[in-house]
Amino acid sequence: MSLPNPDVMANTIHSEVQAERNRQDDKWGEQNHDDFVWGAILGEEVGEALQQALWQHFEKGAGDVRGELVQVAAVAIAWIECIDRRNGGH
């Protein structure tokens, strides 16, 4: 069995995270929170990922950890984008 090409995997993951960012922007518009609020939002998403991991562990496959982690990554990127807007770019 051959392993997946790491570049293809990375491109797929990045595409999924970007699609999630687009979905978030479509739903909420541009978000410009302070860091405390962003931390709470990210913490909530991490909590959902951990909840899915628990379900997966105890329910033997019922959880969607990967999908929640895509949301975690997208929120982290949104937070970085907000910081960059706040600071006039990187």
PDB file of N, CA and C in Angstrom:
ATOM      1  N   MET A   1       0.842  -1.176   0.000  1.00  0.00           N
ATOM      2  CA  MET A   1       0.000   0.000   0.000  1.00  0.00           C
ATOM      3  C   MET A   1       0.888   1.240   0.000  1.00  0.00           C
ATOM      4  N   SER A   2       0.628   2.166  -0.905  1.00  0.00           N
ATOM      5  CA  SER A   2       1.437   3.383  -0.964  1.00  0.00           C
ATOM      6  C   SER A   2       0.812   4.464  -0.083  1.00  0.00           C
ATOM      7  N   LEU A   3       1.682   5.269   0.481  1.00  0.00           N
ATOM      8  CA  LEU A   3       1.230   6.374   1.319  1.00  0.00           C
ATOM      9  C   LEU A   3       0.783   7.527   0.442  1.00  0.00           C
ATOM     10  N   PRO A   4      -0.181   8.307   0.910  1.00  0.00           N
ATOM     11  CA  PRO A   4      -0.622   9.476   0.138  1.00  0.00           C
ATOM     12  C   PRO A   4       0.517  10.481  -0.029  1.00  0.00           C
ATOM     13  N   ASN A   5       0.521  11.154  -1.139  1.00  0.00           N
ATOM     14  CA  ASN A   5       1.509  12.191  -1.412  1.00  0.00           C
ATOM     15  C   ASN A   5       1.297  13.343  -0.428  1.00  0.00           C
ATOM     16  N   PRO A   6       2.337  13.695   0.346  1.00  0.00           N
ATOM     17  CA  PRO A   6       2.173  14.764   1.346  1.00  0.00           C
ATOM     18  C   PRO A   6       1.750  16.097   0.740  1.00  0.00           C
ATOM     19  N   ASP A   7       2.228  16.413  -0.452  1.00  0.00           N
ATOM     20  CA  ASP A   7       1.843  17.684  -1.082  1.00  0.00           C
ATOM     21  C   ASP A   7       0.368  17.680  -1.454  1.00  0.00           C
ATOM     22  N   VAL A   8      -0.111  16.557  -1.948  1.00  0.00           N
ATOM     23  CA  VAL A   8      -1.527  16.445  -2.298  1.00  0.00           C
ATOM     24  C   VAL A   8      -2.381  16.542  -1.037  1.00  0.00           C
ATOM     25  N   MET A   9      -1.943  15.854   0.013  1.00  0.00           N
ATOM     26  CA  MET A   9      -2.680  15.924   1.283  1.00  0.00           C
ATOM     27  C   MET A   9      -2.731  17.355   1.809  1.00  0.00           C
ATOM     28  N   ALA A  10      -1.592  18.043   1.784  1.00  0.00           N
ATOM     29  CA  ALA A  10      -1.544  19.424   2.284  1.00  0.00           C
ATOM     30  C   ALA A  10      -2.457  20.323   1.458  1.00  0.00           C
ATOM     31  N   ASN A  11      -2.436  20.165   0.143  1.00  0.00           N
ATOM     32  CA  ASN A  11      -3.289  20.985  -0.719  1.00  0.00           C
ATOM     33  C   ASN A  11      -4.759  20.727  -0.435  1.00  0.00           C
ATOM     34  N   THR A  12      -5.114  19.466  -0.215  1.00  0.00           N
ATOM     35  CA  THR A  12      -6.491  19.123   0.101  1.00  0.00           C
ATOM     36  C   THR A  12      -6.915  19.759   1.416  1.00  0.00           C
ATOM     37  N   ILE A  13      -6.074  19.633   2.419  1.00  0.00           N
ATOM     38  CA  ILE A  13      -6.390  20.207   3.730  1.00  0.00           C
ATOM     39  C   ILE A  13      -6.506  21.725   3.641  1.00  0.00           C
ATOM     40  N   HIS A  14      -5.565  22.351   2.967  1.00  0.00           N
ATOM     41  CA  HIS A  14      -5.608  23.818   2.836  1.00  0.00           C
ATOM     42  C   HIS A  14      -6.875  24.250   2.106  1.00  0.00           C
ATOM     43  N   SER A  15      -7.263  23.499   1.081  1.00  0.00           N
ATOM     44  CA  SER A  15      -8.497  23.821   0.345  1.00  0.00           C
ATOM     45  C   SER A  15      -9.721  23.701   1.244  1.00  0.00           C
ATOM     46  N   GLU A  16      -9.750  22.674   2.080  1.00  0.00           N
ATOM     47  CA  GLU A  16     -10.868  22.499   3.002  1.00  0.00           C
ATOM     48  C   GLU A  16     -10.926  23.627   4.023  1.00  0.00           C
ATOM     49  N   VAL A  17      -9.782  24.013   4.550  1.00  0.00           N
ATOM     50  CA  VAL A  17      -9.749  25.099   5.532  1.00  0.00           C
ATOM     51  C   VAL A  17     -10.184  26.407   4.873  1.00  0.00           C
ATOM     52  N   GLN A  18      -9.731  26.671   3.647  1.00  0.00           N
ATOM     53  CA  GLN A  18     -10.147  27.886   2.945  1.00  0.00           C
ATOM     54  C   GLN A  18     -11.640  27.867   2.666  1.00  0.00           C
ATOM     55  N   ALA A  19     -12.174  26.717   2.299  1.00  0.00           N
ATOM     56  CA  ALA A  19     -13.621  26.620   2.075  1.00  0.00           C
ATOM     57  C   ALA A  19     -14.383  26.913   3.366  1.00  0.00           C
ATOM     58  N   GLU A  20     -13.871  26.427   4.497  1.00  0.00           N
ATOM     59  CA  GLU A  20     -14.492  26.716   5.784  1.00  0.00           C
ATOM     60  C   GLU A  20     -14.390  28.199   6.117  1.00  0.00           C
ATOM     61  N   ARG A  21     -13.243  28.828   5.816  1.00  0.00           N
ATOM     62  CA  ARG A  21     -13.104  30.281   6.031  1.00  0.00           C
ATOM     63  C   ARG A  21     -14.135  31.029   5.200  1.00  0.00           C
ATOM     64  N   ASN A  22     -14.307  30.624   3.947  1.00  0.00           N
ATOM     65  CA  ASN A  22     -15.300  31.269   3.080  1.00  0.00           C
ATOM     66  C   ASN A  22     -16.706  31.102   3.650  1.00  0.00           C
ATOM     67  N   ARG A  23     -17.004  29.900   4.165  1.00  0.00           N
ATOM     68  CA  ARG A  23     -18.310  29.647   4.756  1.00  0.00           C
ATOM     69  C   ARG A  23     -18.530  30.542   5.975  1.00  0.00           C
ATOM     70  N   GLN A  24     -17.492  30.680   6.791  1.00  0.00           N
ATOM     71  CA  GLN A  24     -17.593  31.548   7.975  1.00  0.00           C
ATOM     72  C   GLN A  24     -17.834  32.992   7.565  1.00  0.00           C
ATOM     73  N   ASP A  25     -17.100  33.468   6.576  1.00  0.00           N
ATOM     74  CA  ASP A  25     -17.290  34.848   6.121  1.00  0.00           C
ATOM     75  C   ASP A  25     -18.680  35.053   5.529  1.00  0.00           C
ATOM     76  N   ASP A  26     -19.170  34.058   4.778  1.00  0.00           N
ATOM     77  CA  ASP A  26     -20.526  34.163   4.221  1.00  0.00           C
ATOM     78  C   ASP A  26     -21.563  34.235   5.330  1.00  0.00           C
ATOM     79  N   LYS A  27     -21.345  33.473   6.399  1.00  0.00           N
ATOM     80  CA  LYS A  27     -22.312  33.416   7.492  1.00  0.00           C
ATOM     81  C   LYS A  27     -22.230  34.630   8.411  1.00  0.00           C
ATOM     82  N   TRP A  28     -21.010  35.046   8.772  1.00  0.00           N
ATOM     83  CA  TRP A  28     -20.825  36.053   9.809  1.00  0.00           C
ATOM     84  C   TRP A  28     -20.301  37.392   9.306  1.00  0.00           C
ATOM     85  N   GLY A  29     -19.803  37.436   8.063  1.00  0.00           N
ATOM     86  CA  GLY A  29     -19.144  38.648   7.582  1.00  0.00           C
ATOM     87  C   GLY A  29     -17.758  38.762   8.191  1.00  0.00           C
ATOM     88  N   GLU A  30     -17.090  39.854   7.907  1.00  0.00           N
ATOM     89  CA  GLU A  30     -15.757  40.072   8.474  1.00  0.00           C
ATOM     90  C   GLU A  30     -15.874  40.233   9.981  1.00  0.00           C
ATOM     91  N   GLN A  31     -15.081  39.475  10.705  1.00  0.00           N
ATOM     92  CA  GLN A  31     -15.109  39.497  12.165  1.00  0.00           C
ATOM     93  C   GLN A  31     -13.870  40.206  12.699  1.00  0.00           C
ATOM     94  N   ASN A  32     -14.080  41.187  13.548  1.00  0.00           N
ATOM     95  CA  ASN A  32     -12.981  41.957  14.132  1.00  0.00           C
ATOM     96  C   ASN A  32     -13.170  42.041  15.644  1.00  0.00           C
ATOM     97  N   HIS A  33     -12.863  40.931  16.295  1.00  0.00           N
ATOM     98  CA  HIS A  33     -12.996  40.844  17.747  1.00  0.00           C
ATOM     99  C   HIS A  33     -11.660  41.157  18.417  1.00  0.00           C
ATOM    100  N   ASP A  34     -11.722  41.420  19.716  1.00  0.00           N
ATOM    101  CA  ASP A  34     -10.470  41.519  20.461  1.00  0.00           C
ATOM    102  C   ASP A  34      -9.949  40.101  20.718  1.00  0.00           C
ATOM    103  N   ASP A  35      -8.723  40.025  21.203  1.00  0.00           N
ATOM    104  CA  ASP A  35      -8.089  38.723  21.371  1.00  0.00           C
ATOM    105  C   ASP A  35      -8.806  37.851  22.394  1.00  0.00           C
ATOM    106  N   PHE A  36      -9.400  38.435  23.402  1.00  0.00           N
ATOM    107  CA  PHE A  36     -10.126  37.648  24.391  1.00  0.00           C
ATOM    108  C   PHE A  36     -11.304  36.927  23.740  1.00  0.00           C
ATOM    109  N   VAL A  37     -12.069  37.658  22.921  1.00  0.00           N
ATOM    110  CA  VAL A  37     -13.224  37.052  22.251  1.00  0.00           C
ATOM    111  C   VAL A  37     -12.761  35.976  21.274  1.00  0.00           C
ATOM    112  N   TRP A  38     -11.700  36.273  20.527  1.00  0.00           N
ATOM    113  CA  TRP A  38     -11.169  35.252  19.612  1.00  0.00           C
ATOM    114  C   TRP A  38     -10.749  34.006  20.382  1.00  0.00           C
ATOM    115  N   GLY A  39     -10.130  34.192  21.528  1.00  0.00           N
ATOM    116  CA  GLY A  39      -9.727  33.045  22.336  1.00  0.00           C
ATOM    117  C   GLY A  39     -10.920  32.206  22.761  1.00  0.00           C
ATOM    118  N   ALA A  40     -12.003  32.875  23.118  1.00  0.00           N
ATOM    119  CA  ALA A  40     -13.219  32.155  23.504  1.00  0.00           C
ATOM    120  C   ALA A  40     -13.806  31.395  22.321  1.00  0.00           C
ATOM    121  N   ILE A  41     -13.825  32.028  21.157  1.00  0.00           N
ATOM    122  CA  ILE A  41     -14.346  31.371  19.953  1.00  0.00           C
ATOM    123  C   ILE A  41     -13.487  30.155  19.608  1.00  0.00           C
ATOM    124  N   LEU A  42     -12.174  30.344  19.615  1.00  0.00           N
ATOM    125  CA  LEU A  42     -11.280  29.226  19.299  1.00  0.00           C
ATOM    126  C   LEU A  42     -11.407  28.121  20.345  1.00  0.00           C
ATOM    127  N   GLY A  43     -11.497  28.503  21.615  1.00  0.00           N
ATOM    128  CA  GLY A  43     -11.658  27.513  22.672  1.00  0.00           C
ATOM    129  C   GLY A  43     -12.927  26.699  22.503  1.00  0.00           C
ATOM    130  N   GLU A  44     -13.995  27.339  22.078  1.00  0.00           N
ATOM    131  CA  GLU A  44     -15.257  26.632  21.835  1.00  0.00           C
ATOM    132  C   GLU A  44     -15.081  25.616  20.712  1.00  0.00           C
ATOM    133  N   GLU A  45     -14.373  26.017  19.654  1.00  0.00           N
ATOM    134  CA  GLU A  45     -14.136  25.087  18.540  1.00  0.00           C
ATOM    135  C   GLU A  45     -13.248  23.919  18.964  1.00  0.00           C
ATOM    136  N   VAL A  46     -12.217  24.202  19.764  1.00  0.00           N
ATOM    137  CA  VAL A  46     -11.357  23.127  20.267  1.00  0.00           C
ATOM    138  C   VAL A  46     -12.181  22.185  21.146  1.00  0.00           C
ATOM    139  N   GLY A  47     -13.058  22.747  21.960  1.00  0.00           N
ATOM    140  CA  GLY A  47     -13.933  21.933  22.791  1.00  0.00           C
ATOM    141  C   GLY A  47     -14.809  21.004  21.962  1.00  0.00           C
ATOM    142  N   GLU A  48     -15.325  21.504  20.853  1.00  0.00           N
ATOM    143  CA  GLU A  48     -16.128  20.657  19.971  1.00  0.00           C
ATOM    144  C   GLU A  48     -15.286  19.528  19.372  1.00  0.00           C
ATOM    145  N   ALA A  49     -14.046  19.818  19.006  1.00  0.00           N
ATOM    146  CA  ALA A  49     -13.162  18.775  18.476  1.00  0.00           C
ATOM    147  C   ALA A  49     -12.904  17.709  19.537  1.00  0.00           C
ATOM    148  N   LEU A  50     -12.671  18.149  20.776  1.00  0.00           N
ATOM    149  CA  LEU A  50     -12.442  17.194  21.857  1.00  0.00           C
ATOM    150  C   LEU A  50     -13.698  16.381  22.160  1.00  0.00           C
ATOM    151  N   GLN A  51     -14.849  17.015  22.077  1.00  0.00           N
ATOM    152  CA  GLN A  51     -16.099  16.295  22.269  1.00  0.00           C
ATOM    153  C   GLN A  51     -16.251  15.196  21.214  1.00  0.00           C
ATOM    154  N   GLN A  52     -15.934  15.529  19.979  1.00  0.00           N
ATOM    155  CA  GLN A  52     -16.004  14.527  18.911  1.00  0.00           C
ATOM    156  C   GLN A  52     -15.003  13.394  19.156  1.00  0.00           C
ATOM    157  N   ALA A  53     -13.821  13.737  19.671  1.00  0.00           N
ATOM    158  CA  ALA A  53     -12.822  12.709  19.985  1.00  0.00           C
ATOM    159  C   ALA A  53     -13.338  11.769  21.069  1.00  0.00           C
ATOM    160  N   LEU A  54     -14.008  12.322  22.078  1.00  0.00           N
ATOM    161  CA  LEU A  54     -14.596  11.488  23.123  1.00  0.00           C
ATOM    162  C   LEU A  54     -15.661  10.566  22.543  1.00  0.00           C
ATOM    163  N   TRP A  55     -16.531  11.112  21.707  1.00  0.00           N
ATOM    164  CA  TRP A  55     -17.567  10.287  21.089  1.00  0.00           C
ATOM    165  C   TRP A  55     -16.939   9.195  20.239  1.00  0.00           C
ATOM    166  N   GLN A  56     -15.896   9.578  19.506  1.00  0.00           N
ATOM    167  CA  GLN A  56     -15.227   8.592  18.656  1.00  0.00           C
ATOM    168  C   GLN A  56     -14.614   7.479  19.518  1.00  0.00           C
ATOM    169  N   HIS A  57     -14.022   7.856  20.627  1.00  0.00           N
ATOM    170  CA  HIS A  57     -13.382   6.878  21.503  1.00  0.00           C
ATOM    171  C   HIS A  57     -14.411   5.947  22.143  1.00  0.00           C
ATOM    172  N   PHE A  58     -15.468   6.530  22.698  1.00  0.00           N
ATOM    173  CA  PHE A  58     -16.433   5.730  23.443  1.00  0.00           C
ATOM    174  C   PHE A  58     -17.539   5.139  22.576  1.00  0.00           C
ATOM    175  N   GLU A  59     -17.831   5.784  21.460  1.00  0.00           N
ATOM    176  CA  GLU A  59     -18.888   5.292  20.582  1.00  0.00           C
ATOM    177  C   GLU A  59     -18.313   4.552  19.371  1.00  0.00           C
ATOM    178  N   LYS A  60     -17.009   4.420  19.327  1.00  0.00           N
ATOM    179  CA  LYS A  60     -16.310   3.655  18.283  1.00  0.00           C
ATOM    180  C   LYS A  60     -16.606   4.186  16.875  1.00  0.00           C
ATOM    181  N   GLY A  61     -16.221   5.429  16.640  1.00  0.00           N
ATOM    182  CA  GLY A  61     -16.289   5.983  15.292  1.00  0.00           C
ATOM    183  C   GLY A  61     -17.396   6.984  15.052  1.00  0.00           C
ATOM    184  N   ALA A  62     -18.173   7.330  16.093  1.00  0.00           N
ATOM    185  CA  ALA A  62     -19.306   8.230  15.906  1.00  0.00           C
ATOM    186  C   ALA A  62     -18.910   9.703  15.770  1.00  0.00           C
ATOM    187  N   GLY A  63     -17.671  10.057  16.082  1.00  0.00           N
ATOM    188  CA  GLY A  63     -17.283  11.465  16.097  1.00  0.00           C
ATOM    189  C   GLY A  63     -16.572  11.904  14.832  1.00  0.00           C
ATOM    190  N   ASP A  64     -16.713  13.186  14.490  1.00  0.00           N
ATOM    191  CA  ASP A  64     -16.050  13.770  13.324  1.00  0.00           C
ATOM    192  C   ASP A  64     -14.958  14.726  13.802  1.00  0.00           C
ATOM    193  N   VAL A  65     -13.877  14.170  14.324  1.00  0.00           N
ATOM    194  CA  VAL A  65     -12.776  14.980  14.837  1.00  0.00           C
ATOM    195  C   VAL A  65     -12.174  15.812  13.716  1.00  0.00           C
ATOM    196  N   ARG A  66     -11.941  15.186  12.576  1.00  0.00           N
ATOM    197  CA  ARG A  66     -11.290  15.868  11.460  1.00  0.00           C
ATOM    198  C   ARG A  66     -12.080  17.107  11.024  1.00  0.00           C
ATOM    199  N   GLY A  67     -13.379  16.966  10.884  1.00  0.00           N
ATOM    200  CA  GLY A  67     -14.208  18.101  10.475  1.00  0.00           C
ATOM    201  C   GLY A  67     -14.136  19.250  11.463  1.00  0.00           C
ATOM    202  N   GLU A  68     -14.129  18.911  12.745  1.00  0.00           N
ATOM    203  CA  GLU A  68     -14.020  19.952  13.767  1.00  0.00           C
ATOM    204  C   GLU A  68     -12.642  20.610  13.737  1.00  0.00           C
ATOM    205  N   LEU A  69     -11.601  19.828  13.459  1.00  0.00           N
ATOM    206  CA  LEU A  69     -10.256  20.414  13.387  1.00  0.00           C
ATOM    207  C   LEU A  69     -10.115  21.344  12.192  1.00  0.00           C
ATOM    208  N   VAL A  70     -10.824  21.082  11.102  1.00  0.00           N
ATOM    209  CA  VAL A  70     -10.844  22.024   9.979  1.00  0.00           C
ATOM    210  C   VAL A  70     -11.431  23.347  10.453  1.00  0.00           C
ATOM    211  N   GLN A  71     -12.483  23.282  11.268  1.00  0.00           N
ATOM    212  CA  GLN A  71     -13.075  24.510  11.814  1.00  0.00           C
ATOM    213  C   GLN A  71     -12.117  25.214  12.766  1.00  0.00           C
ATOM    214  N   VAL A  72     -11.388  24.449  13.582  1.00  0.00           N
ATOM    215  CA  VAL A  72     -10.380  25.036  14.479  1.00  0.00           C
ATOM    216  C   VAL A  72      -9.346  25.801  13.660  1.00  0.00           C
ATOM    217  N   ALA A  73      -8.836  25.177  12.614  1.00  0.00           N
ATOM    218  CA  ALA A  73      -7.823  25.816  11.770  1.00  0.00           C
ATOM    219  C   ALA A  73      -8.379  27.079  11.117  1.00  0.00           C
ATOM    220  N   ALA A  74      -9.615  27.021  10.649  1.00  0.00           N
ATOM    221  CA  ALA A  74     -10.217  28.177   9.985  1.00  0.00           C
ATOM    222  C   ALA A  74     -10.406  29.336  10.964  1.00  0.00           C
ATOM    223  N   VAL A  75     -10.819  29.043  12.184  1.00  0.00           N
ATOM    224  CA  VAL A  75     -10.973  30.101  13.188  1.00  0.00           C
ATOM    225  C   VAL A  75      -9.612  30.698  13.535  1.00  0.00           C
ATOM    226  N   ALA A  76      -8.599  29.854  13.674  1.00  0.00           N
ATOM    227  CA  ALA A  76      -7.255  30.378  13.964  1.00  0.00           C
ATOM    228  C   ALA A  76      -6.797  31.307  12.842  1.00  0.00           C
ATOM    229  N   ILE A  77      -7.056  30.945  11.616  1.00  0.00           N
ATOM    230  CA  ILE A  77      -6.686  31.808  10.485  1.00  0.00           C
ATOM    231  C   ILE A  77      -7.480  33.108  10.526  1.00  0.00           C
ATOM    232  N   ALA A  78      -8.771  33.018  10.823  1.00  0.00           N
ATOM    233  CA  ALA A  78      -9.591  34.234  10.924  1.00  0.00           C
ATOM    234  C   ALA A  78      -9.043  35.169  11.994  1.00  0.00           C
ATOM    235  N   TRP A  79      -8.592  34.610  13.101  1.00  0.00           N
ATOM    236  CA  TRP A  79      -8.015  35.411  14.179  1.00  0.00           C
ATOM    237  C   TRP A  79      -6.745  36.091  13.695  1.00  0.00           C
ATOM    238  N   ILE A  80      -5.891  35.365  13.000  1.00  0.00           N
ATOM    239  CA  ILE A  80      -4.652  35.947  12.449  1.00  0.00           C
ATOM    240  C   ILE A  80      -4.984  37.061  11.466  1.00  0.00           C
ATOM    241  N   GLU A  81      -5.980  36.832  10.611  1.00  0.00           N
ATOM    242  CA  GLU A  81      -6.390  37.870   9.657  1.00  0.00           C
ATOM    243  C   GLU A  81      -6.846  39.124  10.392  1.00  0.00           C
ATOM    244  N   CYS A  82      -7.586  38.955  11.476  1.00  0.00           N
ATOM    245  CA  CYS A  82      -8.054  40.090  12.271  1.00  0.00           C
ATOM    246  C   CYS A  82      -6.877  40.852  12.878  1.00  0.00           C
ATOM    247  N   ILE A  83      -5.930  40.114  13.426  1.00  0.00           N
ATOM    248  CA  ILE A  83      -4.732  40.761  13.991  1.00  0.00           C
ATOM    249  C   ILE A  83      -4.004  41.558  12.924  1.00  0.00           C
ATOM    250  N   ASP A  84      -3.858  40.969  11.741  1.00  0.00           N
ATOM    251  CA  ASP A  84      -3.189  41.679  10.648  1.00  0.00           C
ATOM    252  C   ASP A  84      -3.944  42.920  10.222  1.00  0.00           C
ATOM    253  N   ARG A  85      -5.291  42.855  10.182  1.00  0.00           N
ATOM    254  CA  ARG A  85      -6.068  44.057   9.862  1.00  0.00           C
ATOM    255  C   ARG A  85      -5.864  45.117  10.933  1.00  0.00           C
ATOM    256  N   ARG A  86      -5.886  44.686  12.180  1.00  0.00           N
ATOM    257  CA  ARG A  86      -5.708  45.596  13.325  1.00  0.00           C
ATOM    258  C   ARG A  86      -4.354  46.292  13.273  1.00  0.00           C
ATOM    259  N   ASN A  87      -3.345  45.565  12.849  1.00  0.00           N
ATOM    260  CA  ASN A  87      -1.976  46.091  12.841  1.00  0.00           C
ATOM    261  C   ASN A  87      -1.538  46.607  11.470  1.00  0.00           C
ATOM    262  N   GLY A  88      -2.467  46.727  10.553  1.00  0.00           N
ATOM    263  CA  GLY A  88      -2.133  47.252   9.234  1.00  0.00           C
ATOM    264  C   GLY A  88      -1.345  46.292   8.378  1.00  0.00           C
ATOM    265  N   GLY A  89      -1.541  45.011   8.542  1.00  0.00           N
ATOM    266  CA  GLY A  89      -0.804  43.993   7.780  1.00  0.00           C
ATOM    267  C   GLY A  89       0.180  43.294   8.678  1.00  0.00           C
ATOM    268  N   HIS A  90       0.852  42.316   8.124  1.00  0.00           N
ATOM    269  CA  HIS A  90       1.787  41.491   8.907  1.00  0.00           C
ATOM    270  C   HIS A  90       3.009  42.249   9.301  1.00  0.00           C
TER     271      HIS A  90
END
